[in-house]
Amino acid sequence: MARVCELTGKKPITGNKVSHSNIKTKRRFLPNLQTKRYFLAEEDKWITMKLSSEAIRTINKNGLYATVKQMRAAGSKI
């Protein structure tokens, strides 16, 4: 499975690891993804999503149903 947040679209980016002697080697910065399972009361079903910690805070702030409705309007299949 891809390391991509379903809500924000965050994905790994590349950068440099820099040693003490200033030698640079390529590395990946991975998003803080977590698999979360929510109960969608309006549809009486469970949904599982792979979300970043920022997306989890967004759901806590705006509410699950409002966020899912917004994602569906943007074309996401949930």
Protein backbone atom coordinates (compact mmCIF):
# COMPACT_ATOMS: atom_id res chain seq x y z
CA MET A 1 0.00 0.00 0.00
CA ALA A 2 1.14 3.53 -0.73
CA ARG A 3 2.31 5.78 2.06
CA VAL A 4 -0.21 8.51 1.26
CA CYS A 5 -2.74 10.21 3.54
CA GLU A 6 -6.27 9.77 2.19
CA LEU A 7 -7.42 13.19 3.43
CA THR A 8 -4.50 15.58 2.97
CA GLY A 9 -2.57 13.74 0.27
CA LYS A 10 0.67 13.90 2.24
CA LYS A 11 3.30 11.50 0.88
CA PRO A 12 7.02 10.85 1.34
CA ILE A 13 9.43 13.56 0.23
CA THR A 14 13.16 13.30 -0.38
CA GLY A 15 15.98 15.25 1.17
CA ASN A 16 19.49 14.86 2.46
CA LYS A 17 20.87 13.16 5.53
CA VAL A 18 23.77 15.36 6.64
CA SER A 19 26.57 13.84 8.69
CA HIS A 20 28.80 15.67 11.17
CA SER A 21 31.44 16.00 8.43
CA ASN A 22 28.79 17.55 6.13
CA ILE A 23 28.58 14.55 3.78
CA LYS A 24 25.14 14.43 2.21
CA THR A 25 23.28 11.25 1.26
CA LYS A 26 19.72 10.97 -0.01
CA ARG A 27 16.95 9.93 2.36
CA ARG A 28 13.15 9.92 2.54
CA PHE A 29 11.02 11.87 4.97
CA LEU A 30 7.94 9.72 5.65
CA PRO A 31 4.60 11.19 6.79
CA ASN A 32 3.26 10.22 10.20
CA LEU A 33 0.54 7.87 8.88
CA GLN A 34 -1.79 5.87 11.05
CA THR A 35 -4.59 3.48 10.16
CA LYS A 36 -7.75 4.70 11.86
CA ARG A 37 -11.15 3.04 12.04
CA TYR A 38 -14.16 5.31 12.53
CA PHE A 39 -17.86 4.55 12.94
CA LEU A 40 -19.95 6.64 10.55
CA ALA A 41 -23.22 6.88 12.48
CA GLU A 42 -25.16 8.54 9.63
CA GLU A 43 -24.57 5.51 7.39
CA ASP A 44 -24.37 2.95 10.21
CA LYS A 45 -21.03 1.50 9.07
CA TRP A 46 -17.34 1.41 9.94
CA ILE A 47 -14.76 3.02 7.67
CA THR A 48 -11.00 2.47 7.78
CA MET A 49 -8.68 5.18 6.53
CA LYS A 50 -4.94 5.73 6.40
CA LEU A 51 -4.50 9.23 7.84
CA SER A 52 -1.70 11.55 8.86
CA SER A 53 -1.74 12.98 12.38
CA GLU A 54 -2.72 16.35 10.88
CA ALA A 55 -5.75 14.75 9.22
CA ILE A 56 -6.79 13.10 12.50
CA ARG A 57 -6.75 16.53 14.18
CA THR A 58 -8.80 17.93 11.29
CA ILE A 59 -11.43 15.21 11.77
CA ASN A 60 -11.51 15.89 15.52
CA LYS A 61 -12.05 19.60 14.85
CA ASN A 62 -14.58 19.52 11.98
CA GLY A 63 -16.34 16.24 12.69
CA LEU A 64 -16.19 12.93 10.85
CA TYR A 65 -19.32 13.27 8.71
CA ALA A 66 -18.46 16.79 7.49
CA THR A 67 -14.95 15.65 6.55
CA VAL A 68 -16.19 12.53 4.73
CA LYS A 69 -18.78 14.61 2.86
CA GLN A 70 -16.05 17.04 1.79
CA MET A 71 -13.79 14.18 0.65
CA ARG A 72 -16.60 12.64 -1.41
CA ALA A 73 -17.31 16.00 -3.06
CA ALA A 74 -13.64 16.14 -4.07
CA GLY A 75 -14.00 12.73 -5.75
CA SER A 76 -12.57 10.38 -3.13
CA LYS A 77 -14.22 6.96 -2.80
CA ILE A 78 -15.15 6.29 0.83
